[in-house]
Amino acid sequence: MDRRQLTNYVNFAALISYILGRVLNMGILIWIGLGIMTLSSIWTIIHWKQNDKMSNYISVAFLVLVGLSLFGL
């Protein structure tokens, strides 16, 4: 499996976990989703030139989502 596809699948799994946590009001799912999003986004940003533009923009958007969630917005 290509490393870029793996990153996209991890981001998708984190987003699903986060959304399910919000809908079901389960804090642990929210925190798991935010943690996975943060780690995968930081990894994607560190390897910025090796990834395609869409993955980079998605990782920046996920970091913004994490920041907004941490501040309660």
PDB file of N, CA and C in Angstrom:
ATOM      1  N   MET A   1       0.845  -1.168   0.000  1.00  0.00           N
ATOM      2  CA  MET A   1       0.000   0.000   0.000  1.00  0.00           C
ATOM      3  C   MET A   1       0.894   1.235   0.000  1.00  0.00           C
ATOM      4  N   ASP A   2       0.483   2.213  -0.753  1.00  0.00           N
ATOM      5  CA  ASP A   2       1.234   3.460  -0.851  1.00  0.00           C
ATOM      6  C   ASP A   2       1.115   4.239   0.460  1.00  0.00           C
ATOM      7  N   ARG A   3       2.193   4.900   0.834  1.00  0.00           N
ATOM      8  CA  ARG A   3       2.215   5.635   2.104  1.00  0.00           C
ATOM      9  C   ARG A   3       1.211   6.789   2.097  1.00  0.00           C
ATOM     10  N   ARG A   4       1.005   7.413   0.934  1.00  0.00           N
ATOM     11  CA  ARG A   4       0.032   8.501   0.859  1.00  0.00           C
ATOM     12  C   ARG A   4      -1.381   7.990   1.087  1.00  0.00           C
ATOM     13  N   GLN A   5      -1.699   6.812   0.561  1.00  0.00           N
ATOM     14  CA  GLN A   5      -3.017   6.240   0.786  1.00  0.00           C
ATOM     15  C   GLN A   5      -3.209   5.889   2.259  1.00  0.00           C
ATOM     16  N   LEU A   6      -2.171   5.395   2.883  1.00  0.00           N
ATOM     17  CA  LEU A   6      -2.255   5.058   4.299  1.00  0.00           C
ATOM     18  C   LEU A   6      -2.552   6.298   5.132  1.00  0.00           C
ATOM     19  N   THR A   7      -1.903   7.408   4.808  1.00  0.00           N
ATOM     20  CA  THR A   7      -2.161   8.661   5.517  1.00  0.00           C
ATOM     21  C   THR A   7      -3.601   9.111   5.329  1.00  0.00           C
ATOM     22  N   ASN A   8      -4.116   8.973   4.119  1.00  0.00           N
ATOM     23  CA  ASN A   8      -5.508   9.359   3.867  1.00  0.00           C
ATOM     24  C   ASN A   8      -6.484   8.480   4.635  1.00  0.00           C
ATOM     25  N   TYR A   9      -6.201   7.174   4.715  1.00  0.00           N
ATOM     26  CA  TYR A   9      -7.068   6.274   5.472  1.00  0.00           C
ATOM     27  C   TYR A   9      -7.023   6.571   6.969  1.00  0.00           C
ATOM     28  N   VAL A  10      -5.858   6.892   7.472  1.00  0.00           N
ATOM     29  CA  VAL A  10      -5.734   7.236   8.894  1.00  0.00           C
ATOM     30  C   VAL A  10      -6.505   8.516   9.189  1.00  0.00           C
ATOM     31  N   ASN A  11      -6.386   9.510   8.311  1.00  0.00           N
ATOM     32  CA  ASN A  11      -7.142  10.752   8.499  1.00  0.00           C
ATOM     33  C   ASN A  11      -8.645  10.497   8.446  1.00  0.00           C
ATOM     34  N   PHE A  12      -9.079   9.646   7.531  1.00  0.00           N
ATOM     35  CA  PHE A  12     -10.496   9.324   7.405  1.00  0.00           C
ATOM     36  C   PHE A  12     -11.003   8.600   8.651  1.00  0.00           C
ATOM     37  N   ALA A  13     -10.222   7.654   9.174  1.00  0.00           N
ATOM     38  CA  ALA A  13     -10.607   6.939  10.392  1.00  0.00           C
ATOM     39  C   ALA A  13     -10.683   7.891  11.584  1.00  0.00           C
ATOM     40  N   ALA A  14      -9.748   8.826  11.658  1.00  0.00           N
ATOM     41  CA  ALA A  14      -9.765   9.804  12.752  1.00  0.00           C
ATOM     42  C   ALA A  14     -10.988  10.703  12.655  1.00  0.00           C
ATOM     43  N   LEU A  15     -11.342  11.105  11.447  1.00  0.00           N
ATOM     44  CA  LEU A  15     -12.519  11.957  11.261  1.00  0.00           C
ATOM     45  C   LEU A  15     -13.796  11.215  11.638  1.00  0.00           C
ATOM     46  N   ILE A  16     -13.892   9.950  11.258  1.00  0.00           N
ATOM     47  CA  ILE A  16     -15.069   9.160  11.622  1.00  0.00           C
ATOM     48  C   ILE A  16     -15.156   8.997  13.133  1.00  0.00           C
ATOM     49  N   SER A  17     -14.039   8.736  13.775  1.00  0.00           N
ATOM     50  CA  SER A  17     -14.023   8.606  15.229  1.00  0.00           C
ATOM     51  C   SER A  17     -14.451   9.911  15.898  1.00  0.00           C
ATOM     52  N   TYR A  18     -13.962  11.013  15.392  1.00  0.00           N
ATOM     53  CA  TYR A  18     -14.316  12.322  15.964  1.00  0.00           C
ATOM     54  C   TYR A  18     -15.806  12.613  15.793  1.00  0.00           C
ATOM     55  N   ILE A  19     -16.326  12.359  14.597  1.00  0.00           N
ATOM     56  CA  ILE A  19     -17.748  12.638  14.339  1.00  0.00           C
ATOM     57  C   ILE A  19     -18.639  11.722  15.174  1.00  0.00           C
ATOM     58  N   LEU A  20     -18.297  10.439  15.250  1.00  0.00           N
ATOM     59  CA  LEU A  20     -19.080   9.524  16.085  1.00  0.00           C
ATOM     60  C   LEU A  20     -19.032   9.935  17.559  1.00  0.00           C
ATOM     61  N   GLY A  21     -17.888  10.390  18.002  1.00  0.00           N
ATOM     62  CA  GLY A  21     -17.780  10.862  19.377  1.00  0.00           C
ATOM     63  C   GLY A  21     -18.655  12.065  19.641  1.00  0.00           C
ATOM     64  N   ARG A  22     -18.737  12.966  18.675  1.00  0.00           N
ATOM     65  CA  ARG A  22     -19.608  14.137  18.837  1.00  0.00           C
ATOM     66  C   ARG A  22     -21.074  13.754  18.819  1.00  0.00           C
ATOM     67  N   VAL A  23     -21.451  12.881  17.880  1.00  0.00           N
ATOM     68  CA  VAL A  23     -22.855  12.490  17.745  1.00  0.00           C
ATOM     69  C   VAL A  23     -23.319  11.676  18.943  1.00  0.00           C
ATOM     70  N   LEU A  24     -22.505  10.728  19.380  1.00  0.00           N
ATOM     71  CA  LEU A  24     -22.874   9.859  20.485  1.00  0.00           C
ATOM     72  C   LEU A  24     -22.520  10.445  21.844  1.00  0.00           C
ATOM     73  N   ASN A  25     -21.904  11.612  21.853  1.00  0.00           N
ATOM     74  CA  ASN A  25     -21.510  12.301  23.088  1.00  0.00           C
ATOM     75  C   ASN A  25     -20.589  11.422  23.935  1.00  0.00           C
ATOM     76  N   MET A  26     -19.587  10.835  23.272  1.00  0.00           N
ATOM     77  CA  MET A  26     -18.602   9.989  23.941  1.00  0.00           C
ATOM     78  C   MET A  26     -17.251  10.689  23.874  1.00  0.00           C
ATOM     79  N   GLY A  27     -16.811  11.182  24.996  1.00  0.00           N
ATOM     80  CA  GLY A  27     -15.579  11.951  25.058  1.00  0.00           C
ATOM     81  C   GLY A  27     -14.345  11.177  24.628  1.00  0.00           C
ATOM     82  N   ILE A  28     -14.303   9.891  24.919  1.00  0.00           N
ATOM     83  CA  ILE A  28     -13.117   9.102  24.582  1.00  0.00           C
ATOM     84  C   ILE A  28     -12.942   9.004  23.071  1.00  0.00           C
ATOM     85  N   LEU A  29     -14.039   8.862  22.323  1.00  0.00           N
ATOM     86  CA  LEU A  29     -13.935   8.817  20.862  1.00  0.00           C
ATOM     87  C   LEU A  29     -13.485  10.160  20.297  1.00  0.00           C
ATOM     88  N   ILE A  30     -13.949  11.224  20.900  1.00  0.00           N
ATOM     89  CA  ILE A  30     -13.533  12.558  20.456  1.00  0.00           C
ATOM     90  C   ILE A  30     -12.032  12.720  20.651  1.00  0.00           C
ATOM     91  N   TRP A  31     -11.542  12.347  21.839  1.00  0.00           N
ATOM     92  CA  TRP A  31     -10.118  12.512  22.119  1.00  0.00           C
ATOM     93  C   TRP A  31      -9.245  11.588  21.282  1.00  0.00           C
ATOM     94  N   ILE A  32      -9.726  10.374  21.019  1.00  0.00           N
ATOM     95  CA  ILE A  32      -8.975   9.469  20.146  1.00  0.00           C
ATOM     96  C   ILE A  32      -8.889  10.054  18.742  1.00  0.00           C
ATOM     97  N   GLY A  33     -10.015  10.543  18.233  1.00  0.00           N
ATOM     98  CA  GLY A  33     -10.025  11.157  16.907  1.00  0.00           C
ATOM     99  C   GLY A  33      -9.117  12.373  16.825  1.00  0.00           C
ATOM    100  N   LEU A  34      -9.165  13.221  17.856  1.00  0.00           N
ATOM    101  CA  LEU A  34      -8.305  14.406  17.859  1.00  0.00           C
ATOM    102  C   LEU A  34      -6.833  14.028  17.951  1.00  0.00           C
ATOM    103  N   GLY A  35      -6.523  13.004  18.735  1.00  0.00           N
ATOM    104  CA  GLY A  35      -5.135  12.570  18.855  1.00  0.00           C
ATOM    105  C   GLY A  35      -4.595  12.006  17.550  1.00  0.00           C
ATOM    106  N   ILE A  36      -5.390  11.170  16.907  1.00  0.00           N
ATOM    107  CA  ILE A  36      -4.952  10.601  15.631  1.00  0.00           C
ATOM    108  C   ILE A  36      -4.816  11.693  14.580  1.00  0.00           C
ATOM    109  N   MET A  37      -5.769  12.623  14.556  1.00  0.00           N
ATOM    110  CA  MET A  37      -5.683  13.741  13.605  1.00  0.00           C
ATOM    111  C   MET A  37      -4.424  14.559  13.831  1.00  0.00           C
ATOM    112  N   THR A  38      -4.125  14.830  15.077  1.00  0.00           N
ATOM    113  CA  THR A  38      -2.948  15.638  15.390  1.00  0.00           C
ATOM    114  C   THR A  38      -1.669  14.939  14.954  1.00  0.00           C
ATOM    115  N   LEU A  39      -1.529  13.676  15.314  1.00  0.00           N
ATOM    116  CA  LEU A  39      -0.307  12.942  14.971  1.00  0.00           C
ATOM    117  C   LEU A  39      -0.136  12.782  13.464  1.00  0.00           C
ATOM    118  N   SER A  40      -1.208  12.427  12.765  1.00  0.00           N
ATOM    119  CA  SER A  40      -1.087  12.243  11.317  1.00  0.00           C
ATOM    120  C   SER A  40      -0.871  13.573  10.602  1.00  0.00           C
ATOM    121  N   SER A  41      -1.469  14.635  11.112  1.00  0.00           N
ATOM    122  CA  SER A  41      -1.280  15.951  10.488  1.00  0.00           C
ATOM    123  C   SER A  41       0.141  16.454  10.689  1.00  0.00           C
ATOM    124  N   ILE A  42       0.686  16.268  11.883  1.00  0.00           N
ATOM    125  CA  ILE A  42       2.069  16.688  12.126  1.00  0.00           C
ATOM    126  C   ILE A  42       3.026  15.880  11.263  1.00  0.00           C
ATOM    127  N   TRP A  43       2.766  14.574  11.139  1.00  0.00           N
ATOM    128  CA  TRP A  43       3.614  13.739  10.292  1.00  0.00           C
ATOM    129  C   TRP A  43       3.531  14.187   8.836  1.00  0.00           C
ATOM    130  N   THR A  44       2.337  14.529   8.365  1.00  0.00           N
ATOM    131  CA  THR A  44       2.167  14.987   6.986  1.00  0.00           C
ATOM    132  C   THR A  44       2.868  16.321   6.762  1.00  0.00           C
ATOM    133  N   ILE A  45       2.794  17.212   7.722  1.00  0.00           N
ATOM    134  CA  ILE A  45       3.434  18.520   7.570  1.00  0.00           C
ATOM    135  C   ILE A  45       4.954  18.391   7.610  1.00  0.00           C
ATOM    136  N   ILE A  46       5.465  17.480   8.414  1.00  0.00           N
ATOM    137  CA  ILE A  46       6.912  17.265   8.450  1.00  0.00           C
ATOM    138  C   ILE A  46       7.408  16.786   7.092  1.00  0.00           C
ATOM    139  N   HIS A  47       6.627  15.938   6.426  1.00  0.00           N
ATOM    140  CA  HIS A  47       6.994  15.404   5.110  1.00  0.00           C
ATOM    141  C   HIS A  47       6.230  16.141   4.002  1.00  0.00           C
ATOM    142  N   TRP A  48       6.188  17.465   4.072  1.00  0.00           N
ATOM    143  CA  TRP A  48       5.375  18.306   3.199  1.00  0.00           C
ATOM    144  C   TRP A  48       5.679  18.071   1.717  1.00  0.00           C
ATOM    145  N   LYS A  49       6.928  18.037   1.335  1.00  0.00           N
ATOM    146  CA  LYS A  49       7.289  17.940  -0.080  1.00  0.00           C
ATOM    147  C   LYS A  49       7.043  16.569  -0.671  1.00  0.00           C
ATOM    148  N   GLN A  50       6.964  15.546   0.146  1.00  0.00           N
ATOM    149  CA  GLN A  50       6.759  14.189  -0.355  1.00  0.00           C
ATOM    150  C   GLN A  50       5.289  13.883  -0.624  1.00  0.00           C
ATOM    151  N   ASN A  51       4.382  14.699  -0.101  1.00  0.00           N
ATOM    152  CA  ASN A  51       2.949  14.450  -0.229  1.00  0.00           C
ATOM    153  C   ASN A  51       2.362  15.314  -1.331  1.00  0.00           C
ATOM    154  N   ASP A  52       1.184  14.931  -1.792  1.00  0.00           N
ATOM    155  CA  ASP A  52       0.499  15.766  -2.770  1.00  0.00           C
ATOM    156  C   ASP A  52      -0.172  16.941  -2.066  1.00  0.00           C
ATOM    157  N   LYS A  53      -0.559  17.931  -2.841  1.00  0.00           N
ATOM    158  CA  LYS A  53      -1.089  19.169  -2.265  1.00  0.00           C
ATOM    159  C   LYS A  53      -2.360  18.940  -1.466  1.00  0.00           C
ATOM    160  N   MET A  54      -3.235  18.063  -1.960  1.00  0.00           N
ATOM    161  CA  MET A  54      -4.511  17.848  -1.276  1.00  0.00           C
ATOM    162  C   MET A  54      -4.296  17.261   0.120  1.00  0.00           C
ATOM    163  N   SER A  55      -3.396  16.321   0.270  1.00  0.00           N
ATOM    164  CA  SER A  55      -3.113  15.752   1.594  1.00  0.00           C
ATOM    165  C   SER A  55      -2.560  16.819   2.528  1.00  0.00           C
ATOM    166  N   ASN A  56      -1.727  17.693   2.008  1.00  0.00           N
ATOM    167  CA  ASN A  56      -1.177  18.768   2.832  1.00  0.00           C
ATOM    168  C   ASN A  56      -2.267  19.725   3.292  1.00  0.00           C
ATOM    169  N   TYR A  57      -3.166  20.088   2.388  1.00  0.00           N
ATOM    170  CA  TYR A  57      -4.250  21.001   2.761  1.00  0.00           C
ATOM    171  C   TYR A  57      -5.214  20.350   3.751  1.00  0.00           C
ATOM    172  N   ILE A  58      -5.473  19.064   3.574  1.00  0.00           N
ATOM    173  CA  ILE A  58      -6.344  18.349   4.501  1.00  0.00           C
ATOM    174  C   ILE A  58      -5.713  18.295   5.895  1.00  0.00           C
ATOM    175  N   SER A  59      -4.404  18.082   5.958  1.00  0.00           N
ATOM    176  CA  SER A  59      -3.748  18.018   7.262  1.00  0.00           C
ATOM    177  C   SER A  59      -3.778  19.373   7.961  1.00  0.00           C
ATOM    178  N   VAL A  60      -3.629  20.452   7.211  1.00  0.00           N
ATOM    179  CA  VAL A  60      -3.733  21.783   7.813  1.00  0.00           C
ATOM    180  C   VAL A  60      -5.156  22.026   8.310  1.00  0.00           C
ATOM    181  N   ALA A  61      -6.149  21.599   7.527  1.00  0.00           N
ATOM    182  CA  ALA A  61      -7.545  21.756   7.953  1.00  0.00           C
ATOM    183  C   ALA A  61      -7.829  20.942   9.211  1.00  0.00           C
ATOM    184  N   PHE A  62      -7.254  19.741   9.308  1.00  0.00           N
ATOM    185  CA  PHE A  62      -7.443  18.932  10.511  1.00  0.00           C
ATOM    186  C   PHE A  62      -6.795  19.592  11.721  1.00  0.00           C
ATOM    187  N   LEU A  63      -5.636  20.201  11.536  1.00  0.00           N
ATOM    188  CA  LEU A  63      -5.010  20.901  12.673  1.00  0.00           C
ATOM    189  C   LEU A  63      -5.849  22.093  13.115  1.00  0.00           C
ATOM    190  N   VAL A  64      -6.485  22.773  12.176  1.00  0.00           N
ATOM    191  CA  VAL A  64      -7.394  23.874  12.528  1.00  0.00           C
ATOM    192  C   VAL A  64      -8.587  23.319  13.299  1.00  0.00           C
ATOM    193  N   LEU A  65      -9.129  22.180  12.849  1.00  0.00           N
ATOM    194  CA  LEU A  65     -10.245  21.545  13.547  1.00  0.00           C
ATOM    195  C   LEU A  65      -9.850  21.150  14.960  1.00  0.00           C
ATOM    196  N   VAL A  66      -8.654  20.602  15.116  1.00  0.00           N
ATOM    197  CA  VAL A  66      -8.167  20.226  16.451  1.00  0.00           C
ATOM    198  C   VAL A  66      -8.058  21.464  17.335  1.00  0.00           C
ATOM    199  N   GLY A  67      -7.492  22.534  16.785  1.00  0.00           N
ATOM    200  CA  GLY A  67      -7.366  23.768  17.562  1.00  0.00           C
ATOM    201  C   GLY A  67      -8.720  24.321  17.981  1.00  0.00           C
ATOM    202  N   LEU A  68      -9.668  24.319  17.064  1.00  0.00           N
ATOM    203  CA  LEU A  68     -10.998  24.828  17.397  1.00  0.00           C
ATOM    204  C   LEU A  68     -11.685  23.943  18.436  1.00  0.00           C
ATOM    205  N   SER A  69     -11.489  22.659  18.329  1.00  0.00           N
ATOM    206  CA  SER A  69     -12.103  21.739  19.298  1.00  0.00           C
ATOM    207  C   SER A  69     -11.494  21.914  20.689  1.00  0.00           C
ATOM    208  N   LEU A  70     -10.203  22.135  20.746  1.00  0.00           N
ATOM    209  CA  LEU A  70      -9.553  22.313  22.044  1.00  0.00           C
ATOM    210  C   LEU A  70     -10.002  23.600  22.732  1.00  0.00           C
ATOM    211  N   PHE A  71     -10.308  24.635  21.946  1.00  0.00           N
ATOM    212  CA  PHE A  71     -10.773  25.880  22.518  1.00  0.00           C
ATOM    213  C   PHE A  71     -12.278  25.903  22.709  1.00  0.00           C
ATOM    214  N   GLY A  72     -12.947  24.819  22.325  1.00  0.00           N
ATOM    215  CA  GLY A  72     -14.386  24.701  22.582  1.00  0.00           C
ATOM    216  C   GLY A  72     -15.265  25.450  21.607  1.00  0.00           C
ATOM    217  N   LEU A  73     -14.760  25.753  20.449  1.00  0.00           N
ATOM    218  CA  LEU A  73     -15.575  26.464  19.464  1.00  0.00           C
ATOM    219  C   LEU A  73     -16.277  25.526  18.527  1.00  0.00           C
TER     220      LEU A  73
END
